[in-house]
N, C-alpha and C. Protein backbone atom coordinates (compact mmCIF):
# COMPACT_ATOMS: atom_id res chain seq x y z
N MET A 1 -1.99 -8.71 14.31
CA MET A 1 -1.56 -9.07 13.13
C MET A 1 -0.02 -9.15 13.00
N LYS A 2 0.68 -10.32 12.03
CA LYS A 2 1.81 -10.27 11.86
C LYS A 2 2.22 -10.07 10.53
N ILE A 3 3.11 -9.18 10.06
CA ILE A 3 3.87 -8.88 9.29
C ILE A 3 5.21 -9.74 8.71
N VAL A 4 5.11 -10.09 7.82
CA VAL A 4 5.95 -11.15 7.47
C VAL A 4 6.98 -11.23 6.10
N ARG A 5 8.01 -10.78 5.82
CA ARG A 5 8.33 -11.36 4.36
C ARG A 5 8.14 -12.66 3.74
N GLY A 6 7.30 -12.30 2.45
CA GLY A 6 7.10 -13.42 1.71
C GLY A 6 8.29 -14.47 1.49
N THR A 7 7.98 -15.58 1.52
CA THR A 7 9.27 -16.97 1.17
C THR A 7 8.30 -18.03 0.28
N ILE A 8 8.88 -18.90 -0.07
CA ILE A 8 8.70 -19.99 -0.56
C ILE A 8 7.36 -20.80 0.29
N ASP A 9 7.48 -20.85 1.29
CA ASP A 9 6.51 -21.43 2.19
C ASP A 9 5.20 -20.69 2.04
N ASN A 10 4.76 -19.47 1.95
CA ASN A 10 3.67 -18.52 1.67
C ASN A 10 3.05 -18.58 0.34
N VAL A 11 4.16 -19.46 -0.81
CA VAL A 11 3.57 -19.32 -2.18
C VAL A 11 2.47 -19.60 -2.30
N ASP A 12 1.57 -20.53 -1.97
CA ASP A 12 0.18 -20.79 -2.13
C ASP A 12 -0.51 -19.80 -1.92
N SER A 13 -0.65 -19.41 -0.54
CA SER A 13 -1.78 -18.40 -0.13
C SER A 13 -1.34 -17.16 -0.88
N TRP A 14 0.11 -16.56 -1.08
CA TRP A 14 0.33 -15.74 -1.67
C TRP A 14 -0.25 -15.49 -2.79
N THR A 15 -0.18 -16.66 -3.86
CA THR A 15 -0.71 -16.78 -5.26
C THR A 15 -2.05 -16.39 -5.32
N ARG A 16 -2.84 -17.08 -4.42
CA ARG A 16 -4.22 -17.03 -4.15
C ARG A 16 -4.61 -15.63 -4.03
N LEU A 17 -3.94 -14.99 -3.08
CA LEU A 17 -4.11 -13.35 -3.07
C LEU A 17 -4.05 -12.75 -4.49
N ARG A 18 -2.79 -12.97 -4.97
CA ARG A 18 -2.20 -12.00 -6.09
C ARG A 18 -3.61 -12.48 -7.07
N ALA A 19 -3.79 -13.38 -7.35
CA ALA A 19 -4.91 -13.65 -8.37
C ALA A 19 -6.23 -12.90 -8.11
N ALA A 20 -6.70 -12.85 -6.49
CA ALA A 20 -7.89 -12.01 -6.29
C ALA A 20 -7.70 -10.66 -6.82
N LEU A 21 -6.46 -10.09 -6.68
CA LEU A 21 -6.39 -8.49 -7.23
C LEU A 21 -5.95 -8.19 -8.88
N TRP A 22 -5.68 -9.36 -9.32
CA TRP A 22 -5.05 -9.24 -10.52
C TRP A 22 -5.82 -10.46 -11.31
N SER A 23 -6.88 -10.51 -11.76
CA SER A 23 -7.78 -11.61 -12.21
C SER A 23 -7.38 -11.91 -13.52
N ASP A 24 -6.90 -10.75 -14.30
CA ASP A 24 -6.65 -11.47 -15.96
C ASP A 24 -5.44 -11.91 -15.97
N GLY A 25 -4.47 -12.38 -14.85
CA GLY A 25 -3.45 -13.62 -14.91
C GLY A 25 -3.96 -14.76 -14.57
N SER A 26 -3.57 -15.87 -14.99
CA SER A 26 -3.69 -16.85 -14.10
C SER A 26 -3.37 -17.74 -13.05
N VAL A 27 -3.25 -18.46 -12.17
CA VAL A 27 -2.59 -19.05 -10.69
C VAL A 27 -1.31 -19.17 -11.44
N GLU A 28 -1.16 -19.84 -12.60
CA GLU A 28 0.28 -20.33 -12.66
C GLU A 28 1.25 -19.01 -12.72
N GLN A 29 0.83 -18.42 -13.89
CA GLN A 29 1.41 -16.90 -14.00
C GLN A 29 1.81 -16.17 -12.84
N HIS A 30 0.95 -16.21 -11.72
CA HIS A 30 1.43 -15.73 -10.52
C HIS A 30 2.32 -16.58 -9.71
N ARG A 31 2.08 -17.63 -9.70
CA ARG A 31 3.12 -18.16 -8.85
C ARG A 31 4.62 -18.27 -9.70
N GLU A 32 4.37 -18.28 -10.94
CA GLU A 32 5.63 -18.14 -12.03
C GLU A 32 6.23 -16.83 -11.35
N ASP A 33 5.70 -15.56 -11.45
CA ASP A 33 6.32 -14.17 -10.98
C ASP A 33 6.56 -14.43 -9.76
N ILE A 34 5.81 -14.87 -8.75
CA ILE A 34 6.42 -14.66 -7.24
C ILE A 34 7.77 -15.44 -6.93
N ILE A 35 8.10 -16.52 -7.84
CA ILE A 35 8.98 -17.49 -7.79
C ILE A 35 10.22 -16.79 -8.64
N VAL A 36 9.82 -15.95 -9.82
CA VAL A 36 11.26 -15.40 -10.63
C VAL A 36 11.78 -13.90 -9.95
N THR A 37 10.62 -13.16 -9.54
CA THR A 37 10.43 -11.62 -9.17
C THR A 37 10.93 -11.76 -7.91
N PHE A 38 10.20 -12.25 -6.97
CA PHE A 38 10.21 -11.94 -5.21
C PHE A 38 11.23 -13.09 -4.63
N LEU A 39 11.28 -14.30 -5.00
CA LEU A 39 12.15 -15.38 -4.45
C LEU A 39 13.73 -15.49 -5.25
N GLN A 40 13.53 -15.47 -6.46
CA GLN A 40 15.03 -15.20 -7.20
C GLN A 40 15.54 -13.96 -7.12
N GLY A 41 14.83 -13.11 -7.25
CA GLY A 41 15.41 -11.95 -7.56
C GLY A 41 14.98 -10.84 -6.83
N ALA A 42 15.16 -11.22 -5.55
CA ALA A 42 14.81 -10.64 -4.08
C ALA A 42 15.46 -9.49 -4.09
N ASP A 43 16.74 -9.20 -4.50
CA ASP A 43 17.51 -7.83 -4.30
C ASP A 43 16.76 -6.96 -4.91
N ARG A 44 15.79 -6.75 -5.93
CA ARG A 44 15.13 -5.86 -6.42
C ARG A 44 13.57 -5.86 -6.20
N ALA A 45 13.06 -6.61 -5.51
CA ALA A 45 11.65 -6.51 -5.20
C ALA A 45 11.40 -7.32 -3.77
N VAL A 46 10.17 -7.04 -3.27
CA VAL A 46 10.22 -7.64 -1.90
C VAL A 46 8.76 -7.60 -2.10
N ALA A 47 8.20 -8.58 -1.11
CA ALA A 47 6.71 -8.63 -0.76
C ALA A 47 6.79 -9.10 0.92
N PHE A 48 5.67 -8.46 1.37
CA PHE A 48 5.33 -8.68 2.71
C PHE A 48 3.92 -9.37 2.76
N LEU A 49 3.66 -10.47 3.64
CA LEU A 49 2.30 -10.79 4.03
C LEU A 49 1.90 -10.41 5.31
N SER A 50 0.70 -10.39 5.23
CA SER A 50 0.44 -10.36 6.55
C SER A 50 -0.94 -11.35 7.16
N GLY A 51 -0.54 -11.96 8.26
CA GLY A 51 -1.18 -13.44 8.79
C GLY A 51 -2.22 -12.96 9.83
N SER A 52 -3.49 -14.19 9.73
CA SER A 52 -4.70 -13.65 10.74
C SER A 52 -3.88 -14.28 11.98
N GLU A 53 -4.43 -14.18 13.18
CA GLU A 53 -4.37 -14.86 14.55
C GLU A 53 -4.36 -16.33 14.15
N GLU A 54 -4.86 -16.79 13.66
CA GLU A 54 -5.02 -18.10 13.19
C GLU A 54 -4.01 -18.72 12.11
N GLY A 55 -3.29 -18.02 12.03
CA GLY A 55 -2.20 -17.91 10.79
C GLY A 55 -2.60 -18.18 9.32
N GLU A 56 -4.02 -17.37 8.88
CA GLU A 56 -3.95 -17.63 7.56
C GLU A 56 -3.42 -16.16 6.93
N ILE A 57 -3.07 -16.49 5.84
CA ILE A 57 -2.14 -14.83 4.86
C ILE A 57 -3.79 -14.11 4.40
N VAL A 58 -3.52 -13.25 5.08
CA VAL A 58 -5.02 -12.13 4.43
C VAL A 58 -4.61 -11.28 3.80
N GLY A 59 -3.34 -10.87 3.43
CA GLY A 59 -3.24 -9.77 2.76
C GLY A 59 -1.65 -9.87 2.46
N PHE A 60 -0.98 -9.04 1.40
CA PHE A 60 -0.07 -9.01 0.84
C PHE A 60 0.27 -7.60 0.10
N ALA A 61 1.70 -6.93 -0.09
CA ALA A 61 1.84 -5.71 -0.40
C ALA A 61 3.27 -6.15 -1.09
N GLU A 62 3.70 -6.00 -2.55
CA GLU A 62 4.68 -6.12 -3.25
C GLU A 62 5.51 -4.78 -3.32
N GLY A 63 6.80 -4.83 -3.58
CA GLY A 63 7.62 -3.29 -3.86
C GLY A 63 8.50 -4.04 -4.51
N SER A 64 9.05 -2.81 -5.39
CA SER A 64 10.14 -3.14 -6.29
C SER A 64 11.07 -1.61 -5.89
N LEU A 65 12.51 -1.33 -6.58
CA LEU A 65 13.17 -0.77 -6.48
C LEU A 65 13.36 -0.15 -7.97
N ARG A 66 12.64 0.89 -8.55
CA ARG A 66 12.95 1.55 -9.40
C ARG A 66 14.11 2.44 -9.71
N ASN A 67 14.83 2.10 -10.68
CA ASN A 67 16.31 3.23 -10.99
C ASN A 67 15.66 4.18 -12.35
N ASP A 68 14.73 3.71 -13.02
CA ASP A 68 14.18 4.66 -14.09
C ASP A 68 13.60 5.78 -13.39
N TYR A 69 13.17 6.63 -14.54
CA TYR A 69 12.13 8.02 -13.89
C TYR A 69 10.98 7.36 -13.57
N VAL A 70 10.63 7.85 -12.20
CA VAL A 70 9.09 7.33 -11.85
C VAL A 70 8.15 8.87 -11.77
N ASN A 71 7.37 8.69 -12.22
CA ASN A 71 6.53 10.04 -12.50
C ASN A 71 6.23 10.62 -11.02
N GLY A 72 6.49 11.94 -11.06
CA GLY A 72 6.52 12.83 -9.77
C GLY A 72 7.79 12.46 -8.60
N CYS A 73 8.71 12.12 -8.85
CA CYS A 73 9.40 11.78 -8.00
C CYS A 73 10.97 12.66 -8.53
N LYS A 74 11.15 12.99 -7.35
CA LYS A 74 13.01 14.00 -7.97
C LYS A 74 14.23 13.41 -8.01
N THR A 75 14.18 12.10 -7.33
CA THR A 75 15.29 11.16 -7.17
C THR A 75 15.05 9.94 -7.80
N SER A 76 16.51 9.55 -8.01
CA SER A 76 16.22 7.82 -9.03
C SER A 76 16.74 7.37 -7.75
N ARG A 77 16.23 5.89 -7.69
CA ARG A 77 15.99 4.74 -6.79
C ARG A 77 15.11 5.09 -5.90
N VAL A 78 13.86 4.62 -6.48
CA VAL A 78 12.97 4.62 -5.90
C VAL A 78 12.04 3.45 -5.24
N ALA A 79 11.58 3.45 -4.21
CA ALA A 79 10.85 2.69 -3.60
C ALA A 79 9.58 2.30 -4.60
N PHE A 80 8.62 1.57 -4.66
CA PHE A 80 7.46 1.47 -5.54
C PHE A 80 6.84 0.64 -5.04
N LEU A 81 5.68 0.92 -4.63
CA LEU A 81 4.63 -0.20 -4.15
C LEU A 81 3.64 -0.81 -5.57
N GLU A 82 4.05 -2.03 -5.75
CA GLU A 82 3.66 -2.26 -7.11
C GLU A 82 2.46 -3.38 -6.72
N GLY A 83 1.71 -3.45 -5.68
CA GLY A 83 0.39 -3.96 -5.52
C GLY A 83 0.48 -4.09 -3.93
N ILE A 84 -1.03 -3.87 -3.51
CA ILE A 84 -1.36 -4.58 -2.08
C ILE A 84 -2.86 -4.75 -2.30
N TYR A 85 -3.12 -5.84 -1.32
CA TYR A 85 -4.47 -6.28 -1.22
C TYR A 85 -4.57 -7.23 0.11
N VAL A 86 -5.84 -6.93 0.65
CA VAL A 86 -6.21 -7.36 1.71
C VAL A 86 -7.32 -8.08 1.38
N LEU A 87 -7.56 -9.27 2.09
CA LEU A 87 -9.32 -9.97 1.99
C LEU A 87 -9.98 -8.79 2.16
N PRO A 88 -11.32 -8.82 1.79
CA PRO A 88 -12.29 -7.59 2.20
C PRO A 88 -13.12 -8.22 3.62
N SER A 89 -12.81 -9.42 4.23
CA SER A 89 -12.96 -9.86 5.68
C SER A 89 -12.25 -9.28 6.49
N HIS A 90 -11.21 -8.86 6.15
CA HIS A 90 -9.98 -8.33 6.99
C HIS A 90 -9.39 -6.66 6.85
N ARG A 91 -10.42 -6.20 5.87
CA ARG A 91 -10.16 -4.81 5.77
C ARG A 91 -10.53 -4.00 6.81
N LYS A 92 -10.11 -2.44 6.51
CA LYS A 92 -10.58 -1.38 8.10
C LYS A 92 -9.81 -1.93 9.22
N GLN A 93 -8.91 -2.87 9.29
CA GLN A 93 -8.17 -2.99 10.44
C GLN A 93 -6.73 -2.54 10.70
N GLY A 94 -6.15 -1.69 9.82
CA GLY A 94 -4.70 -1.22 9.67
C GLY A 94 -4.12 -2.44 9.02
N ILE A 95 -4.10 -3.15 8.48
CA ILE A 95 -3.58 -4.40 7.84
C ILE A 95 -2.69 -3.86 6.46
N ALA A 96 -3.56 -2.56 5.62
CA ALA A 96 -2.74 -2.09 4.56
C ALA A 96 -1.95 -1.32 4.85
N ARG A 97 -2.15 -0.36 6.01
CA ARG A 97 -1.13 0.61 6.52
C ARG A 97 -0.09 -0.22 6.69
N LEU A 98 0.00 -1.11 7.70
CA LEU A 98 1.24 -2.27 8.08
C LEU A 98 2.09 -2.67 7.07
N LEU A 99 1.30 -3.53 5.61
CA LEU A 99 2.05 -3.77 4.67
C LEU A 99 2.65 -2.67 4.11
N CYS A 100 2.30 -1.72 3.84
CA CYS A 100 2.42 -0.32 3.02
C CYS A 100 3.71 0.07 3.79
N ASP A 101 3.67 0.37 5.22
CA ASP A 101 4.47 0.54 6.15
C ASP A 101 6.13 -0.26 6.27
N ALA A 102 5.71 -1.68 6.00
CA ALA A 102 6.75 -2.19 5.79
C ALA A 102 7.75 -2.46 4.22
N VAL A 103 6.99 -2.17 3.46
CA VAL A 103 7.56 -2.04 2.18
C VAL A 103 8.57 -0.61 1.91
N GLY A 104 7.88 0.70 2.61
CA GLY A 104 8.30 1.71 2.39
C GLY A 104 9.77 1.63 3.33
N ASP A 105 9.53 0.98 4.85
CA ASP A 105 10.68 0.77 5.48
C ASP A 105 11.82 0.00 4.71
N TRP A 106 11.45 -1.54 4.08
CA TRP A 106 12.65 -1.60 3.25
C TRP A 106 13.33 -0.76 2.18
N GLY A 107 12.25 0.13 1.55
CA GLY A 107 12.78 0.86 0.91
C GLY A 107 13.78 1.87 0.98
N LYS A 108 13.58 2.37 2.63
CA LYS A 108 14.62 3.32 3.28
C LYS A 108 15.86 2.24 3.54
N SER A 109 15.39 1.15 3.72
CA SER A 109 16.75 0.20 3.97
C SER A 109 17.76 0.06 2.98
N GLN A 110 17.22 0.38 1.62
CA GLN A 110 17.63 0.27 0.33
C GLN A 110 18.30 1.31 0.04
N GLY A 111 18.34 2.69 0.82
CA GLY A 111 18.71 4.01 0.39
C GLY A 111 17.72 4.79 -0.55
N CYS A 112 16.70 4.47 -0.19
CA CYS A 112 15.55 5.51 -1.37
C CYS A 112 15.16 6.40 -0.71
N LEU A 113 14.99 7.81 -1.35
CA LEU A 113 14.42 8.58 -0.47
C LEU A 113 12.89 8.78 -0.77
N GLU A 114 12.84 8.50 -1.61
CA GLU A 114 11.28 8.64 -1.80
C GLU A 114 10.31 7.19 -2.22
N PHE A 115 9.15 7.52 -1.92
CA PHE A 115 8.70 5.85 -2.22
C PHE A 115 7.01 6.47 -2.96
N ALA A 116 6.88 5.65 -4.22
CA ALA A 116 5.46 5.83 -5.06
C ALA A 116 4.66 4.95 -5.69
N SER A 117 4.14 5.20 -5.59
CA SER A 117 2.83 3.97 -6.38
C SER A 117 1.94 4.85 -7.07
N ASP A 118 1.03 4.01 -8.16
CA ASP A 118 -0.06 4.63 -9.14
C ASP A 118 -1.43 3.74 -8.98
N ALA A 119 -2.00 4.22 -9.32
CA ALA A 119 -3.64 3.86 -9.30
C ALA A 119 -4.11 4.42 -10.95
N PRO A 120 -4.94 3.35 -11.36
CA PRO A 120 -5.87 4.03 -12.54
C PRO A 120 -6.72 5.41 -11.99
N LEU A 121 -6.99 6.40 -12.86
CA LEU A 121 -7.76 7.21 -12.85
C LEU A 121 -9.07 6.89 -12.41
N GLU A 122 -9.64 5.64 -12.83
CA GLU A 122 -10.95 5.26 -12.59
C GLU A 122 -11.39 4.49 -11.00
N ASN A 123 -10.00 4.72 -10.40
CA ASN A 123 -9.95 3.79 -9.38
C ASN A 123 -9.87 4.61 -8.07
N GLU A 124 -11.17 4.92 -7.67
CA GLU A 124 -11.53 6.48 -6.61
C GLU A 124 -10.92 5.51 -5.39
N VAL A 125 -11.46 4.13 -4.71
CA VAL A 125 -11.03 3.39 -3.90
C VAL A 125 -9.04 3.56 -3.69
N SER A 126 -8.76 3.26 -4.49
CA SER A 126 -7.08 3.00 -4.49
C SER A 126 -6.60 4.57 -4.21
N ARG A 127 -7.09 5.55 -4.81
CA ARG A 127 -6.73 6.79 -4.78
C ARG A 127 -6.84 7.52 -3.32
N LYS A 128 -8.09 6.97 -2.87
CA LYS A 128 -8.48 7.34 -1.40
C LYS A 128 -7.44 6.59 -0.55
N PHE A 129 -7.49 5.65 -0.80
CA PHE A 129 -6.94 4.42 -0.14
C PHE A 129 -5.13 5.22 0.04
N HIS A 130 -4.75 5.75 -1.03
CA HIS A 130 -3.08 6.11 -1.00
C HIS A 130 -3.03 7.62 -0.18
N ALA A 131 -3.95 8.26 -0.78
CA ALA A 131 -3.87 9.26 0.03
C ALA A 131 -4.17 9.47 2.00
N ALA A 132 -4.75 8.24 1.79
CA ALA A 132 -5.24 8.17 3.64
C ALA A 132 -3.64 7.71 4.13
N LEU A 133 -2.66 6.97 3.34
CA LEU A 133 -1.71 6.44 3.85
C LEU A 133 -0.20 7.44 3.75
N GLY A 134 -0.91 8.76 3.36
CA GLY A 134 0.20 9.75 3.36
C GLY A 134 0.62 10.24 1.59
N PHE A 135 0.57 9.34 0.67
CA PHE A 135 1.12 9.74 -0.39
C PHE A 135 0.44 11.12 -1.09
N ALA A 136 1.16 11.65 -1.97
CA ALA A 136 0.54 13.01 -2.36
C ALA A 136 0.35 12.70 -3.84
N GLU A 137 -0.74 12.86 -4.29
CA GLU A 137 -0.94 12.79 -5.94
C GLU A 137 0.12 13.68 -6.56
N THR A 138 0.61 13.46 -7.73
CA THR A 138 1.70 13.91 -8.40
C THR A 138 1.21 14.45 -9.68
N GLN A 139 0.38 13.79 -10.12
CA GLN A 139 0.27 14.05 -11.76
C GLN A 139 -1.11 12.98 -12.28
N ARG A 140 -1.56 13.47 -13.14
CA ARG A 140 -2.50 12.43 -13.67
C ARG A 140 -2.38 12.22 -15.33
N VAL A 141 -1.92 11.15 -15.76
CA VAL A 141 -1.88 11.12 -17.07
C VAL A 141 -3.09 10.00 -17.79
N VAL A 142 -3.08 10.49 -19.17
CA VAL A 142 -3.72 9.35 -20.06
C VAL A 142 -2.78 9.13 -21.13
N PHE A 143 -2.68 7.69 -21.31
CA PHE A 143 -1.86 7.13 -22.55
C PHE A 143 -2.74 7.16 -23.74
N PHE A 144 -2.05 7.54 -24.86
CA PHE A 144 -2.56 7.50 -26.05
C PHE A 144 -1.80 6.26 -27.09
N ARG A 145 -2.71 5.82 -28.32
CA ARG A 145 -2.04 5.05 -29.19
C ARG A 145 -3.01 5.16 -30.56
N LYS A 146 -1.85 4.26 -31.16
CA LYS A 146 -2.86 4.64 -32.58
C LYS A 146 -2.04 3.56 -33.61
N ASP A 147 -2.92 3.04 -34.14
CA ASP A 147 -2.10 1.96 -35.27
C ASP A 147 -1.42 2.47 -36.45
N ILE A 148 -0.16 1.84 -36.66
CA ILE A 148 0.28 2.43 -37.71
C ILE A 148 0.20 1.84 -39.22
N GLU A 149 -0.16 2.22 -39.79
CA GLU A 149 -0.58 1.42 -41.21
C GLU A 149 0.48 1.38 -42.00
N ASP A 150 0.67 0.15 -42.83
CA ASP A 150 1.22 -0.19 -43.89
C ASP A 150 1.49 0.70 -44.60
């Protein structure tokens, strides 16, 4: 399995994988986000892609640098795992670990001392995945809102 940094040459495959992970966005929105955030703004964000032996892109991980407060972290300028996805047919082969390690190594090269991520409370699979990769749960949060009446 080969791990490479995302480039303009990978945009079509990367976009399809992103749309599989975040199905609430359109393919066009994902493509634009890749170009603006990861290709034009590459100093603040990074993506790594995993290629199969046949050259098919089968997974991706996206990371960013966060300078604001990151829940559970003690330092500022934290590497943050924004998203990770591997095609179901290629899971349980260590690909996600390699992708996550690539983002963590990138964060270290950017001077980060901590690597963070998040997952919804109801996403048990993601929480178990993070724990298996060595992430420690730091806190649980429930967000609230209410309408303000005129």
